[in-house]
């Protein structure tokens, strides 16, 4: 593993921690729940012929989901990077570096 890969792994770990803190923020969770509830309520109150409105609400729902998935992916990348760095440290100890 070269220096650039090590720096990327360390950056991924740092980003994962930031993403975790963001996702654990109570205000953010409250906002996401309120947005999802509002979208659902509006979606369920559409009339049969209001398909364009339903499609727009579906798109909004997808944006909220993508936001959460992005942060989850960053956290997942951080877990992989943490494991990679741990393995590298163990290997260094074994070979005496």
C-alpha atoms as a PDB file:
ATOM      1  CA  UNK A   1       0.000   0.000   0.000  1.00  0.00           C
ATOM      2  CA  UNK A   2       1.586   3.276  -1.039  1.00  0.00           C
ATOM      3  CA  UNK A   3       1.469   6.629   0.764  1.00  0.00           C
ATOM      4  CA  UNK A   4      -1.358   7.946  -1.441  1.00  0.00           C
ATOM      5  CA  UNK A   5      -3.553   4.931  -0.643  1.00  0.00           C
ATOM      6  CA  UNK A   6      -2.805   5.287   3.052  1.00  0.00           C
ATOM      7  CA  UNK A   7      -3.750   8.972   2.966  1.00  0.00           C
ATOM      8  CA  UNK A   8      -6.975   8.135   1.107  1.00  0.00           C
ATOM      9  CA  UNK A   9      -7.819   5.489   3.715  1.00  0.00           C
ATOM     10  CA  UNK A  10      -7.179   7.971   6.543  1.00  0.00           C
ATOM     11  CA  UNK A  11      -9.355  10.525   4.754  1.00  0.00           C
ATOM     12  CA  UNK A  12     -12.112   7.919   4.363  1.00  0.00           C
ATOM     13  CA  UNK A  13     -11.971   7.204   8.106  1.00  0.00           C
ATOM     14  CA  UNK A  14     -12.235  10.918   8.889  1.00  0.00           C
ATOM     15  CA  UNK A  15     -15.134  11.400   6.459  1.00  0.00           C
ATOM     16  CA  UNK A  16     -16.918   8.391   7.944  1.00  0.00           C
ATOM     17  CA  UNK A  17     -16.725   9.896  11.410  1.00  0.00           C
ATOM     18  CA  UNK A  18     -18.131  13.178  10.118  1.00  0.00           C
ATOM     19  CA  UNK A  19     -20.943  11.321   8.327  1.00  0.00           C
ATOM     20  CA  UNK A  20     -21.717   9.360  11.498  1.00  0.00           C
ATOM     21  CA  UNK A  21     -21.959  12.566  13.517  1.00  0.00           C
ATOM     22  CA  UNK A  22     -24.232  14.102  10.899  1.00  0.00           C
ATOM     23  CA  UNK A  23     -26.526  11.085  10.822  1.00  0.00           C
ATOM     24  CA  UNK A  24     -26.698  11.010  14.633  1.00  0.00           C
ATOM     25  CA  UNK A  25     -27.638  14.663  14.860  1.00  0.00           C
ATOM     26  CA  UNK A  26     -31.094  14.839  16.446  1.00  0.00           C
ATOM     27  CA  UNK A  27     -32.117  17.936  14.489  1.00  0.00           C
ATOM     28  CA  UNK A  28     -31.195  16.308  11.191  1.00  0.00           C
ATOM     29  CA  UNK A  29     -33.120  13.156  12.079  1.00  0.00           C
ATOM     30  CA  UNK A  30     -36.100  15.256  13.098  1.00  0.00           C
ATOM     31  CA  UNK A  31     -35.948  17.180   9.829  1.00  0.00           C
ATOM     32  CA  UNK A  32     -35.672  14.023   7.713  1.00  0.00           C
ATOM     33  CA  UNK A  33     -38.613  12.427   9.509  1.00  0.00           C
ATOM     34  CA  UNK A  34     -40.709  15.582   9.064  1.00  0.00           C
ATOM     35  CA  UNK A  35     -39.841  15.807   5.370  1.00  0.00           C
ATOM     36  CA  UNK A  36     -40.640  12.135   4.775  1.00  0.00           C
ATOM     37  CA  UNK A  37     -43.923  12.427   6.685  1.00  0.00           C
ATOM     38  CA  UNK A  38     -44.891  15.525   4.712  1.00  0.00           C
ATOM     39  CA  UNK A  39     -44.120  13.845   1.387  1.00  0.00           C
ATOM     40  CA  UNK A  40     -46.080  10.744   2.397  1.00  0.00           C
ATOM     41  CA  UNK A  41     -49.064  12.785   3.583  1.00  0.00           C
ATOM     42  CA  UNK A  42     -49.150  14.783   0.353  1.00  0.00           C
ATOM     43  CA  UNK A  43     -48.693  11.638  -1.738  1.00  0.00           C
ATOM     44  CA  UNK A  44     -51.568   9.883   0.001  1.00  0.00           C
ATOM     45  CA  UNK A  45     -53.853  12.882  -0.407  1.00  0.00           C
ATOM     46  CA  UNK A  46     -53.436  13.112  -4.176  1.00  0.00           C
ATOM     47  CA  UNK A  47     -56.431  12.350  -6.337  1.00  0.00           C
ATOM     48  CA  UNK A  48     -56.521   9.627  -8.950  1.00  0.00           C
ATOM     49  CA  UNK A  49     -55.782  11.989 -11.848  1.00  0.00           C
ATOM     50  CA  UNK A  50     -52.944  13.840 -10.102  1.00  0.00           C
ATOM     51  CA  UNK A  51     -50.221  11.538 -11.381  1.00  0.00           C
ATOM     52  CA  UNK A  52     -47.818  14.410 -12.086  1.00  0.00           C
ATOM     53  CA  UNK A  53     -48.065  15.494  -8.461  1.00  0.00           C
ATOM     54  CA  UNK A  54     -47.391  11.920  -7.295  1.00  0.00           C
ATOM     55  CA  UNK A  55     -44.398  11.657  -9.606  1.00  0.00           C
ATOM     56  CA  UNK A  56     -42.955  14.906  -8.239  1.00  0.00           C
ATOM     57  CA  UNK A  57     -43.456  13.690  -4.678  1.00  0.00           C
ATOM     58  CA  UNK A  58     -41.793  10.387  -5.580  1.00  0.00           C
ATOM     59  CA  UNK A  59     -38.786  12.309  -6.960  1.00  0.00           C
ATOM     60  CA  UNK A  60     -38.565  14.323  -3.749  1.00  0.00           C
ATOM     61  CA  UNK A  61     -38.668  11.112  -1.748  1.00  0.00           C
ATOM     62  CA  UNK A  62     -35.821   9.734  -3.854  1.00  0.00           C
ATOM     63  CA  UNK A  63     -33.683  12.797  -3.116  1.00  0.00           C
ATOM     64  CA  UNK A  64     -34.139  12.317   0.633  1.00  0.00           C
ATOM     65  CA  UNK A  65     -33.252   8.629   0.289  1.00  0.00           C
ATOM     66  CA  UNK A  66     -30.155   9.418  -1.799  1.00  0.00           C
ATOM     67  CA  UNK A  67     -28.982  11.891   0.834  1.00  0.00           C
ATOM     68  CA  UNK A  68     -29.161   9.226   3.522  1.00  0.00           C
ATOM     69  CA  UNK A  69     -27.613   6.560   1.282  1.00  0.00           C
ATOM     70  CA  UNK A  70     -24.707   8.843   0.457  1.00  0.00           C
ATOM     71  CA  UNK A  71     -23.850   9.293   4.127  1.00  0.00           C
ATOM     72  CA  UNK A  72     -24.293   5.564   4.756  1.00  0.00           C
ATOM     73  CA  UNK A  73     -21.896   4.817   1.885  1.00  0.00           C
ATOM     74  CA  UNK A  74     -19.322   7.225   3.334  1.00  0.00           C
ATOM     75  CA  UNK A  75     -19.626   5.445   6.701  1.00  0.00           C
ATOM     76  CA  UNK A  76     -19.239   2.065   5.006  1.00  0.00           C
ATOM     77  CA  UNK A  77     -16.146   3.238   3.140  1.00  0.00           C
ATOM     78  CA  UNK A  78     -14.743   4.391   6.467  1.00  0.00           C
ATOM     79  CA  UNK A  79     -15.263   0.969   8.023  1.00  0.00           C
ATOM     80  CA  UNK A  80     -13.410  -0.648   5.129  1.00  0.00           C
ATOM     81  CA  UNK A  81     -10.620   1.917   5.409  1.00  0.00           C
ATOM     82  CA  UNK A  82     -10.357   1.330   9.166  1.00  0.00           C
ATOM     83  CA  UNK A  83     -10.021  -2.403   8.609  1.00  0.00           C
ATOM     84  CA  UNK A  84      -7.438  -1.836   5.884  1.00  0.00           C
ATOM     85  CA  UNK A  85      -5.350   0.461   8.078  1.00  0.00           C
ATOM     86  CA  UNK A  86      -5.595  -1.978  10.999  1.00  0.00           C
ATOM     87  CA  UNK A  87      -4.404  -4.822   8.782  1.00  0.00           C
ATOM     88  CA  UNK A  88      -1.529  -2.683   7.557  1.00  0.00           C
ATOM     89  CA  UNK A  89      -0.495  -1.849  11.130  1.00  0.00           C
ATOM     90  CA  UNK A  90      -0.610  -5.532  12.121  1.00  0.00           C
ATOM     91  CA  UNK A  91       1.482  -6.448   9.091  1.00  0.00           C
ATOM     92  CA  UNK A  92       4.064  -3.768   9.982  1.00  0.00           C
ATOM     93  CA  UNK A  93       4.337  -5.173  13.514  1.00  0.00           C
ATOM     94  CA  UNK A  94       4.787  -8.693  12.208  1.00  0.00           C
ATOM     95  CA  UNK A  95       7.588  -7.765   9.837  1.00  0.00           C
ATOM     96  CA  UNK A  96       9.116  -5.333  12.315  1.00  0.00           C
ATOM     97  CA  UNK A  97       8.611  -1.969  10.589  1.00  0.00           C
END
